[in-house]
Protein backbone atom coordinates (compact mmCIF):
# COMPACT_ATOMS: atom_id res chain seq x y z
CA MET A 1 25.43 16.46 32.49
CA ASN A 2 21.66 16.29 32.94
CA GLU A 3 21.18 17.38 29.31
CA ALA A 4 23.25 14.46 28.01
CA THR A 5 21.22 12.05 30.12
CA GLU A 6 17.96 13.54 28.82
CA VAL A 7 19.05 13.17 25.21
CA ALA A 8 20.12 9.58 25.74
CA ARG A 9 16.70 8.63 27.13
CA ARG A 10 14.77 9.83 24.08
CA PRO A 11 14.14 7.25 21.40
CA ILE A 12 16.25 7.76 18.29
CA TYR A 13 13.84 6.00 15.96
CA ARG A 14 10.11 6.30 16.37
CA ALA A 15 8.10 4.02 14.13
CA GLU A 16 4.98 5.60 12.70
CA LYS A 17 1.77 3.68 12.40
CA PRO A 18 0.79 3.11 8.78
CA ALA A 19 -2.18 5.12 7.52
CA ARG A 20 -5.48 3.23 7.55
CA ASN A 21 -8.27 4.16 5.16
CA VAL A 22 -11.18 1.75 4.80
CA HIS A 23 -12.77 3.89 2.09
CA TYR A 24 -9.63 3.79 -0.06
CA LYS A 25 -9.39 -0.01 0.22
CA ARG A 26 -13.08 -0.38 -0.68
CA TRP A 27 -12.54 1.91 -3.69
CA ILE A 28 -9.45 -0.05 -4.86
CA LYS A 29 -11.52 -3.25 -4.99
CA ARG A 30 -13.60 -1.73 -7.82
CA PHE A 31 -10.70 -1.96 -10.29
CA ALA A 32 -9.40 -4.93 -12.26
CA CYS A 33 -6.31 -6.78 -11.07
CA VAL A 34 -3.25 -4.79 -12.16
CA PHE A 35 -1.32 -8.01 -12.74
CA CYS A 36 -3.68 -10.10 -14.89
CA GLY A 37 -6.73 -7.89 -15.58
CA SER A 38 -9.23 -10.17 -13.83
CA THR A 39 -12.26 -8.49 -12.29
CA ARG A 40 -13.15 -11.46 -10.08
CA ASP A 41 -12.22 -11.65 -6.41
CA VAL A 42 -10.17 -8.42 -6.42
CA ASP A 43 -8.66 -7.44 -3.09
CA PRO A 44 -6.56 -4.47 -1.99
CA CYS A 45 -2.98 -5.72 -2.17
CA HIS A 46 -0.60 -3.99 0.28
CA THR A 47 2.69 -3.25 -1.46
CA GLY A 48 5.02 -1.99 1.27
CA SER A 49 7.08 -3.89 3.76
CA HIS A 50 5.28 -6.50 5.83
CA GLY A 51 6.68 -7.01 9.30
CA TYR A 52 5.47 -9.55 11.79
CA GLY A 53 1.72 -9.13 11.55
CA SER A 54 1.93 -5.56 10.25
CA LYS A 55 1.01 -4.12 6.89
CA SER A 56 2.07 -1.03 5.03
CA SER A 57 -0.14 2.02 4.60
CA ASP A 58 -3.54 1.42 3.04
CA LEU A 59 -2.70 4.21 0.58
CA SER A 60 -0.08 1.93 -0.98
CA CYS A 61 -2.67 -0.73 -1.89
CA ILE A 62 -3.18 -1.79 -5.47
CA PRO A 63 -5.93 -4.02 -6.86
CA GLY A 64 -4.99 -7.68 -7.18
CA CYS A 65 -7.09 -10.79 -7.68
CA ARG A 66 -6.65 -13.38 -4.95
CA LYS A 67 -4.38 -15.59 -7.06
CA CYS A 68 -2.05 -12.72 -8.05
CA HIS A 69 -2.23 -11.28 -4.53
CA ASP A 70 -0.90 -14.52 -3.07
CA LEU A 71 1.87 -14.73 -5.68
CA PHE A 72 2.79 -11.08 -5.11
CA ASP A 73 2.95 -11.58 -1.32
CA ALA A 74 5.28 -14.56 -1.79
CA ASP A 75 7.78 -12.62 -3.96
CA PRO A 76 6.79 -8.97 -4.50
CA ARG A 77 9.74 -7.83 -6.60
CA GLY A 78 10.02 -11.03 -8.59
CA PHE A 79 6.31 -11.25 -9.39
CA ALA A 80 5.98 -7.55 -10.28
CA GLY A 81 9.13 -7.79 -12.41
CA ALA A 82 7.85 -10.87 -14.23
CA LYS A 83 4.63 -8.99 -15.01
CA GLY A 84 6.58 -5.89 -16.09
CA LEU A 85 4.82 -3.74 -13.51
CA ASP A 86 6.28 -0.61 -11.93
CA VAL A 87 4.51 -0.83 -8.57
CA ALA A 88 5.56 2.65 -7.43
CA GLU A 89 4.06 4.18 -10.58
CA VAL A 90 0.83 2.21 -10.14
CA ILE A 91 0.55 3.46 -6.55
CA ARG A 92 1.09 7.06 -7.72
CA ARG A 93 -1.57 6.66 -10.41
CA PHE A 94 -4.15 5.30 -7.96
CA ASN A 95 -3.28 7.93 -5.34
CA ASN A 96 -3.76 10.68 -7.96
CA LEU A 97 -7.13 9.24 -8.97
CA TRP A 98 -8.13 9.04 -5.31
CA GLU A 99 -7.11 12.65 -4.69
CA GLN A 100 -9.12 13.81 -7.71
CA ARG A 101 -12.11 11.87 -6.43
CA GLN A 102 -11.78 13.41 -2.98
CA GLN A 103 -11.54 16.92 -4.42
CA LYS A 104 -14.69 16.40 -6.49
CA GLY A 105 -16.54 15.21 -3.39
CA ALA A 106 -15.40 18.24 -1.38
CA ALA A 107 -16.54 20.71 -4.03
């Protein structure tokens, strides 16, 4: 009976803190906006779920100018769809570039 009580006290779902990487976000800002191509006022645009005051992992950021960033935050799927952008593929592409960059720096 003690075992059943022990199991019941453990949390079933444990939320993980999203990865933070200041260097990755700084690097993302060097690229043009993936939505409109602007190179002015580019910010790292978090693409994952946004809870109350929380953001997704920094490794899911894509470059977006401030105007597109605001429009994307208002309706992520709708805005990306209207621009014909596969956000998951863009994230993979930037993550691959980042990994290559990190490997060059380690060598």
